[in-house]
Structure formats: structure tokens, C-alpha cells
Protein backbone atom coordinates (compact mmCIF):
# COMPACT_ATOMS: atom_id res chain seq x y z
CA MET A 1 7.16 -23.73 20.29
CA ILE A 2 7.84 -21.22 17.51
CA LYS A 3 7.08 -22.49 14.01
CA SER A 4 8.99 -21.65 10.86
CA VAL A 5 6.73 -19.78 8.47
CA LYS A 6 6.78 -18.29 4.99
CA ALA A 7 4.08 -15.75 4.25
CA SER A 8 3.39 -13.60 1.21
CA SER A 9 1.22 -10.76 0.21
CA PRO A 10 0.35 -9.13 -3.13
CA GLY A 11 0.94 -5.47 -3.98
CA LYS A 12 -1.82 -3.09 -4.68
CA ILE A 13 -2.72 -0.27 -7.11
CA LEU A 14 -4.96 2.66 -6.11
CA LEU A 15 -7.53 3.42 -8.76
CA THR A 16 -9.07 6.49 -7.06
CA GLY A 17 -9.61 8.02 -3.67
CA GLY A 18 -5.97 8.68 -2.74
CA PHE A 19 -5.66 11.12 0.29
CA SER A 20 -9.43 11.66 0.41
CA VAL A 21 -9.83 8.26 2.07
CA ASN A 22 -8.27 9.82 5.19
CA PHE A 23 -11.22 12.25 5.37
CA GLY A 24 -14.00 9.66 5.22
CA HIS A 25 -14.36 9.18 1.45
CA PRO A 26 -14.09 5.87 -0.30
CA ALA A 27 -11.02 4.64 -2.08
CA ILE A 28 -11.04 1.98 -4.79
CA CYS A 29 -8.08 -0.36 -4.97
CA CYS A 30 -7.20 -3.80 -6.38
CA ALA A 31 -4.59 -6.29 -5.30
CA VAL A 32 -1.97 -7.15 -8.01
CA ASN A 33 1.03 -9.38 -8.49
CA PRO A 34 3.97 -9.30 -7.87
CA ARG A 35 4.37 -10.15 -4.12
CA ALA A 36 6.30 -9.50 -1.01
CA TYR A 37 7.59 -12.34 1.21
CA CYS A 38 8.48 -12.85 4.89
CA VAL A 39 10.30 -15.91 6.11
CA MET A 40 10.35 -16.26 9.91
CA THR A 41 12.36 -18.95 11.72
CA PRO A 42 13.13 -19.51 15.48
CA ARG A 43 16.56 -18.60 16.99
CA LYS A 44 18.32 -20.28 19.92
CA ASP A 45 18.77 -16.98 21.66
CA SER A 46 16.29 -14.17 22.49
CA LYS A 47 17.51 -11.71 19.74
CA ILE A 48 15.29 -10.54 16.82
CA ARG A 49 17.23 -10.24 13.60
CA LEU A 50 15.62 -8.40 10.63
CA LYS A 51 17.15 -8.73 7.26
CA SER A 52 16.21 -7.29 3.83
CA SER A 53 18.61 -7.50 1.00
CA LYS A 54 21.79 -5.84 2.15
CA ARG A 55 20.16 -4.22 5.24
CA GLU A 56 20.18 -5.87 8.61
CA SER A 57 19.11 -4.93 12.16
CA VAL A 58 19.25 -6.80 15.44
CA THR A 59 16.74 -5.82 18.24
CA ASN A 60 14.92 -7.53 21.08
CA TRP A 61 11.34 -7.76 22.46
CA SER A 62 11.94 -5.03 25.18
CA ASP A 63 12.97 -2.52 22.58
CA THR A 64 9.91 -3.35 20.36
CA PHE A 65 7.59 -2.82 23.42
CA GLU A 66 9.17 0.58 23.99
CA LEU A 67 8.81 1.57 20.32
CA ALA A 68 5.09 0.51 20.31
CA GLU A 69 4.51 2.73 23.40
CA LYS A 70 6.19 5.61 21.73
CA VAL A 71 4.27 5.28 18.49
CA SER A 72 0.95 4.98 20.39
CA LYS A 73 1.72 8.16 22.28
CA TRP A 74 2.76 10.04 19.18
CA ASN A 75 -0.35 8.85 17.37
CA GLU A 76 -2.65 9.97 20.14
CA GLU A 77 -0.92 13.40 20.06
CA HIS A 78 -1.20 13.53 16.22
CA ASN A 79 2.61 13.99 16.25
CA HIS A 80 3.12 13.25 12.66
CA HIS A 81 6.58 14.93 12.65
CA GLU A 82 8.06 12.25 15.02
CA LEU A 83 6.43 9.43 13.06
CA ALA A 84 7.70 10.73 9.77
CA ALA A 85 11.19 11.26 11.26
CA LEU A 86 11.20 7.67 12.50
CA ALA A 87 10.48 6.26 9.12
CA LYS A 88 13.47 8.18 7.78
CA THR A 89 15.92 7.16 10.31
CA ASP A 90 15.10 3.49 10.89
CA PHE A 91 14.43 1.37 7.79
CA PHE A 92 12.96 -1.43 9.92
CA ALA A 93 10.88 0.79 12.19
CA PRO A 94 7.52 -0.34 10.68
CA GLN A 95 8.43 -4.05 11.22
CA LYS A 96 9.64 -3.43 14.72
CA HIS A 97 6.45 -1.66 15.59
CA ILE A 98 4.35 -4.54 14.25
CA LEU A 99 6.32 -6.94 16.44
CA GLY A 100 5.97 -4.72 19.51
CA TYR A 101 2.22 -4.24 18.89
CA PHE A 102 1.67 -7.97 18.45
CA ALA A 103 3.67 -8.83 21.54
CA THR A 104 1.83 -6.24 23.67
CA HIS A 105 -1.71 -6.79 22.50
CA VAL A 106 -1.68 -10.57 21.66
CA LEU A 107 1.00 -12.10 23.78
CA ASP A 108 0.68 -9.65 26.72
CA LYS A 109 4.47 -9.09 26.61
CA SER A 110 4.93 -12.75 27.43
CA CYS A 111 7.59 -13.59 24.93
CA ASP A 112 11.36 -14.16 24.95
CA ASP A 113 11.81 -16.37 21.80
CA GLY A 114 14.33 -15.17 19.28
CA LEU A 115 13.45 -14.81 15.65
CA ASP A 116 15.18 -14.52 12.28
CA ILE A 117 13.06 -12.53 9.95
CA THR A 118 13.99 -12.23 6.29
CA ILE A 119 11.99 -9.91 4.04
CA SER A 120 12.04 -9.82 0.29
CA SER A 121 9.85 -8.21 -2.34
CA LYS A 122 9.39 -8.18 -6.03
CA ILE A 123 7.32 -5.05 -5.70
CA PRO A 124 9.13 -1.85 -6.64
CA ILE A 125 9.93 0.11 -3.44
CA ALA A 126 8.26 3.53 -2.98
CA SER A 127 6.53 3.20 -6.35
CA GLY A 128 2.89 3.43 -5.19
CA MET A 129 2.30 -0.34 -5.49
CA GLY A 130 2.05 -0.81 -1.80
CA SER A 131 5.47 -2.43 -1.18
CA GLY A 132 5.58 -1.34 2.46
CA GLY A 133 2.00 -2.47 3.09
CA ALA A 134 2.67 -5.84 1.45
CA VAL A 135 5.70 -6.39 3.65
CA ALA A 136 3.65 -5.44 6.73
CA THR A 137 0.82 -7.75 5.70
CA ALA A 138 3.08 -10.73 5.04
CA LEU A 139 4.94 -10.09 8.36
CA SER A 140 1.62 -9.86 10.25
CA GLN A 141 0.45 -13.17 8.84
CA ALA A 142 3.79 -14.81 9.60
CA ILE A 143 4.01 -13.68 13.19
CA TYR A 144 0.60 -14.91 13.99
CA ARG A 145 1.21 -18.26 12.42
CA ALA A 146 4.69 -18.59 13.97
CA PHE A 147 3.16 -18.35 17.41
CA GLY A 148 0.53 -20.93 16.62
CA TYR A 149 -2.46 -18.72 15.79
CA LYS A 150 -4.76 -19.04 12.85
CA PRO A 151 -5.71 -15.37 12.44
CA ARG A 152 -8.84 -13.96 10.78
CA LEU A 153 -8.27 -11.53 7.99
CA GLU A 154 -9.40 -8.52 10.20
CA GLN A 155 -6.67 -9.48 12.73
CA VAL A 156 -4.02 -9.49 10.09
CA GLY A 157 -5.30 -6.22 8.64
CA LEU A 158 -5.40 -4.48 12.03
CA LEU A 159 -1.86 -5.59 12.79
CA ALA A 160 -0.44 -4.78 9.35
CA ILE A 161 -1.75 -1.23 9.50
CA GLN A 162 0.57 -0.60 12.42
CA GLY A 163 3.48 -0.70 9.97
CA ASP A 164 1.84 1.81 7.70
CA VAL A 165 1.26 4.16 10.64
CA ILE A 166 4.99 4.79 10.55
CA SER A 167 5.57 4.44 6.86
CA HIS A 168 2.87 7.05 6.18
CA GLY A 169 3.81 9.48 8.85
CA GLY A 170 0.80 8.73 11.08
CA LEU A 171 -1.85 9.05 8.31
CA ALA A 172 -2.38 5.43 7.50
CA SER A 173 -5.87 4.86 6.20
CA GLY A 174 -5.48 1.06 6.08
CA VAL A 175 -6.46 0.86 2.41
CA ASP A 176 -3.12 -0.67 1.32
CA THR A 177 -2.90 -3.44 3.91
CA TRP A 178 -6.59 -4.37 3.74
CA THR A 179 -6.39 -4.68 -0.06
CA GLU A 180 -3.39 -6.75 0.09
CA ALA A 181 -4.75 -8.95 2.85
CA MET A 182 -8.05 -9.60 1.09
CA GLY A 183 -7.15 -9.54 -2.57
CA GLY A 184 -9.39 -8.58 -5.54
CA PHE A 185 -11.07 -5.21 -5.91
CA ILE A 186 -11.77 -3.31 -2.64
CA ASN A 187 -14.05 -0.38 -1.74
CA TYR A 188 -12.53 1.04 1.49
CA THR A 189 -13.72 3.70 3.89
CA LYS A 190 -12.37 4.39 7.32
CA GLN A 191 -15.95 4.25 8.74
CA ASN A 192 -16.95 0.85 7.27
CA GLY A 193 -13.55 -0.80 6.52
CA PRO A 194 -12.99 -2.81 3.34
CA ILE A 195 -15.68 -4.27 1.20
CA GLN A 196 -14.78 -6.64 -1.61
CA LEU A 197 -16.33 -5.66 -4.90
CA LYS A 198 -17.75 -8.22 -7.17
CA VAL A 199 -16.48 -7.77 -10.68
CA LYS A 200 -18.49 -8.96 -13.66
CA GLY A 201 -17.11 -10.15 -16.99
CA ASN A 202 -13.62 -9.81 -18.27
CA ILE A 203 -11.29 -7.24 -16.61
CA PRO A 204 -9.47 -5.01 -19.12
CA THR A 205 -5.74 -4.80 -19.22
CA LEU A 206 -4.09 -2.99 -16.28
CA ILE A 207 -0.86 -1.38 -17.26
CA ILE A 208 1.76 0.08 -14.92
CA ALA A 209 4.23 2.71 -16.05
CA ASP A 210 7.06 3.79 -13.73
CA THR A 211 8.26 7.30 -13.58
CA GLY A 212 11.53 6.26 -12.08
CA LYS A 213 11.07 9.12 -9.49
CA ARG A 214 10.62 8.42 -5.85
CA GLU A 215 9.43 10.34 -2.76
CA LEU A 216 8.85 9.17 0.85
CA SER A 217 5.14 8.65 1.80
CA GLY A 218 5.52 10.80 4.92
CA ARG A 219 6.97 13.69 2.90
CA VAL A 220 4.08 13.64 0.41
CA VAL A 221 1.59 13.65 3.27
CA GLU A 222 3.29 16.71 4.65
CA ILE A 223 3.02 18.50 1.24
CA VAL A 224 -0.73 17.58 0.95
CA GLN A 225 -1.45 18.86 4.49
CA LYS A 226 0.33 22.09 3.91
CA ASN A 227 -1.24 22.68 0.51
CA VAL A 228 -4.73 21.99 1.79
CA GLU A 229 -4.41 24.15 4.88
CA GLU A 230 -2.82 27.12 3.01
CA ASN A 231 -5.00 26.93 -0.07
CA TYR A 232 -8.39 25.74 1.33
CA LYS A 233 -8.53 22.74 -1.07
CA PHE A 234 -10.69 20.60 1.10
CA LEU A 235 -13.34 20.46 -1.67
CA LEU A 236 -11.05 18.48 -3.81
CA PHE A 237 -11.39 15.56 -1.36
CA ASP A 238 -15.13 15.71 -1.88
CA GLU A 239 -14.59 15.52 -5.60
CA LEU A 240 -12.45 12.45 -5.27
CA GLY A 241 -15.16 10.96 -3.15
CA ILE A 242 -17.67 11.52 -5.87
CA ILE A 243 -15.36 9.95 -8.49
CA ALA A 244 -14.91 6.86 -6.35
CA LYS A 245 -18.64 6.35 -5.90
CA LEU A 246 -19.12 6.72 -9.68
CA MET A 247 -16.44 4.16 -10.23
CA ILE A 248 -18.21 1.65 -7.98
CA GLU A 249 -21.33 2.00 -10.13
CA SER A 250 -19.38 1.69 -13.44
CA ASN A 251 -17.71 -1.48 -12.13
CA LYS A 252 -21.14 -2.93 -11.25
CA ASP A 253 -22.21 -2.26 -14.84
CA ASN A 254 -19.01 -3.70 -16.23
CA ASP A 255 -18.42 -0.34 -17.88
CA TRP A 256 -14.57 -0.28 -17.91
CA GLU A 257 -14.40 2.41 -20.43
CA GLN A 258 -16.30 4.74 -17.98
CA SER A 259 -13.93 3.62 -15.19
CA GLY A 260 -11.03 4.69 -17.33
CA LYS A 261 -12.50 8.17 -17.79
CA LEU A 262 -12.93 8.39 -14.00
CA LEU A 263 -9.21 7.50 -13.59
CA TYR A 264 -8.29 10.54 -15.70
CA LEU A 265 -10.65 12.76 -13.71
CA SER A 266 -8.79 11.56 -10.53
CA GLN A 267 -5.53 12.64 -12.15
CA ILE A 268 -6.76 16.12 -12.74
CA ILE A 269 -7.69 16.36 -9.06
CA TYR A 270 -4.31 15.13 -7.96
CA GLU A 271 -2.70 17.84 -10.03
CA LYS A 272 -4.69 20.51 -8.23
CA LEU A 273 -3.72 18.88 -4.90
CA GLY A 274 -0.09 19.32 -5.81
CA VAL A 275 0.95 15.64 -5.75
CA SER A 276 1.47 15.21 -9.54
CA CYS A 277 4.65 16.04 -11.32
CA GLU A 278 5.84 16.45 -14.96
CA GLU A 279 7.05 12.91 -15.17
CA ILE A 280 3.61 11.54 -14.19
CA GLU A 281 1.67 13.89 -16.54
CA VAL A 282 3.92 12.94 -19.53
CA LEU A 283 3.15 9.24 -18.94
CA VAL A 284 -0.55 9.84 -18.45
CA ASN A 285 -0.86 11.75 -21.74
CA THR A 286 1.31 9.21 -23.63
CA MET A 287 -0.78 6.33 -22.53
CA LEU A 288 -4.10 8.11 -23.37
CA LYS A 289 -2.75 8.96 -26.85
CA ALA A 290 -1.83 5.35 -27.35
CA GLY A 291 -5.41 4.11 -26.68
CA ALA A 292 -5.80 3.69 -22.90
CA TYR A 293 -9.37 4.21 -21.48
CA GLY A 294 -7.82 6.37 -18.79
CA ALA A 295 -4.79 6.76 -16.65
CA THR A 296 -3.76 8.30 -13.28
CA LEU A 297 -1.07 8.42 -10.78
CA SER A 298 -1.43 5.59 -8.30
CA GLY A 299 -0.30 5.85 -4.67
CA LYS A 300 1.12 8.87 -3.01
CA GLY A 301 2.26 10.68 -6.14
CA MET A 302 5.26 13.01 -6.68
CA GLY A 303 6.63 10.20 -8.77
CA GLY A 304 6.09 6.52 -8.45
CA ILE A 305 3.78 4.80 -10.92
CA VAL A 306 0.99 5.61 -13.31
CA VAL A 307 -1.81 3.03 -13.82
CA ALA A 308 -3.90 2.78 -17.00
CA LEU A 309 -7.06 0.78 -17.87
CA ALA A 310 -6.84 -0.22 -21.57
CA PRO A 311 -8.54 -2.47 -24.16
CA ASP A 312 -6.59 -5.68 -24.47
CA GLU A 313 -5.80 -4.93 -28.23
CA LYS A 314 -4.23 -1.59 -27.36
CA ALA A 315 -1.95 -2.91 -24.47
CA GLY A 316 1.09 -3.60 -26.67
CA GLU A 317 1.08 -0.22 -28.31
CA ILE A 318 0.66 1.59 -24.96
CA ILE A 319 3.65 -0.31 -23.41
CA LYS A 320 5.78 0.50 -26.48
CA SER A 321 4.87 4.16 -26.38
CA VAL A 322 6.07 4.33 -22.66
CA GLN A 323 9.19 2.37 -23.50
CA ARG A 324 9.99 4.94 -26.28
CA LEU A 325 10.35 7.49 -23.45
CA LYS A 326 13.01 5.30 -21.87
CA LYS A 327 10.54 4.38 -19.08
CA VAL A 328 9.48 0.92 -17.73
CA ALA A 329 5.93 -0.28 -18.45
CA PHE A 330 4.36 -3.74 -17.87
CA LYS A 331 0.99 -5.46 -17.47
CA VAL A 332 -0.17 -6.65 -14.13
CA SER A 333 -2.90 -9.19 -13.17
CA VAL A 334 -5.37 -8.82 -10.40
CA ASP A 335 -4.52 -10.99 -7.39
CA PHE A 336 -7.64 -12.55 -5.83
CA GLU A 337 -5.83 -14.67 -3.24
CA GLY A 338 -4.62 -12.02 -0.89
CA VAL A 339 -2.20 -12.86 2.03
CA LYS A 340 -1.24 -16.50 2.35
CA ASP A 341 1.28 -18.64 4.25
CA GLU A 342 2.88 -22.01 4.62
CA ILE A 343 4.64 -23.81 7.48
CA ILE A 344 8.16 -24.73 6.52
């Protein structure tokens, strides 16, 4: 019997290691509030209804099986174009793929129960705060629990990444979904997976500033691939890897000022990779001038958010300096809970 479940997952901010994580280098992230939510309830028929704000889609298990097979084939062929196109044409494609993957690999396609799935999020969409990954993580937790399983975190993380495979045009590292599933500060590599970092002492203020500009993840991945292939910028990934390793050491020593400087070094590399933009660079410089330890774009770039590490006493002035530019800025807290659920 299908259970009614409500699951939620925090967002995330990337401190360093964006893009280079797909080439074997570490990425440093932390889970932050706000959260995304998934409410899953049984239906009397065999349909699957997905709803998010004003969007709605009705599908069935057979269609999700077919989608999962297509995505698996495209992934094996490294057909990023088809995956990116799917993300653009079907808003619910990541969620449908998660359902199809779960039904295929966990239920062995033995399912005909209908579901109502309602998704909501307080995380700004396409901002770089992992809104898509948080939805995927909450949905993954909910589907396991709805069918009576008590999943391990690694099972939730593996399932959730199936959504990001589509959202990120085939190049999903897993860093978003793993960070959101586990909570806290995460050191992630594709070889070793996620390692939760132990943080000493008080964490300085984390401030988010929003450029108000958005770009699809798949589109940014295409730009990075083209830029790297045409301009031989592979060494920039190595440099981001070095910065990430230095940040791990500075966190061990509780040297947040050093971590802030490493944030800014990351920003310089992102500019060379071609994923920064004028809006990002204005915010970075504004926050630095107002007293931040360091600042960088967070997430895929080409817009989205900037994250800054700052002394507590400077937070107010930094936020005001961003607001004077008619941009949104706010403090976020680190979420150490990760994904969670309740039977309703």
C-alpha cells in the first residue's frame, strides 16, 4: 500500500570546484536553507500527476520506463544534445526520469499505483542554489518512503542524480544532490563521492547576492565545453582543483579569511572559463569593497548568484551595498540536517 509522504531537501551553494569536478577535481559545497518540498499521495487510478505551481503534467509508469531507457542510451552515447533538448522541452523530465529509474531498478517495473506529486520550493529557480537538485533529492526520498522503503543516503543520492543528468545536459557530477542529501559542508569528487567536512569554531556569515539573470544549466555546460575545446583551457580545471584542496586545509584550520581569498581566486578562474558576466563581477567587487573576505559566482554562472564569506560585523553593510544596486541580497544559514521526510 502506497503511503502519503512529505519530504524536503535544503539547497546548496558551491564554494569552489565548479565544472572542474566533472574532470576528477574536488568541489567544496555546503547545504543551506531554504528548502524544496515534495508531497506524494496515492491515487485511485494508475496515472501519475506532477504539479509545480501553475505547471502540471499527467503521465504513467510505462512512459517513465521508456524515458529512462532513452536517457540511459543517450548517456552511454554521450549524447548531451538530446539530454539538453529534453530539459528545455519538458519541465518535468527530470522528475519523470527519477520515477522511471526507480521503478526499473528498485521495483523491477512491477508497479501500477497512481500518484499525485506536488513540488514546491523556496529556493530561487536557476539561481545556482541547487533548486533542481533539491527537488530531485526530496522526490527521491519521497518515492522510496511512499513504497515502504527506508533508504540509505547513498540510495537517495544515486536516485536523485538521475534528475540532474537531464537538468545538466548529461554532465551531472552529483555534487548538488549529494550535498543536499547529506547536509553540512561537503568535499566531493567523482572518484570518492561525498565526504562530510568537520568544521571547527563559528562559521562566518554567508551572504547571497542575486544577479537577477538566469541561464539554463545545459546551455552553460555547452559554452564551457566549446570554450575549453577551442581555447585549450584544460589547465584552468587543474587550478580550480588546487584551490579546492587549499580550501579544505583552511577550513581545517578554521581560517575563514583564507577561505574567502580562495573564493575570489575561484572567481578569477571562472572569468577565464567564460562563465562569468558583468552582473556577477559588479556584485563580487561591491561585496569585496564592503568588507567581505571573498566572493565568487556560485553554481553554473552566466548569472545566478554570488556567494560571499564575511565577518559578522560587516554583513549588514555588505547587504546594503548590494541593495543600493537594486539587487537582492540576504544571509543564509548552513543546513546540517540534509534530506528528511514525514509520513502524512
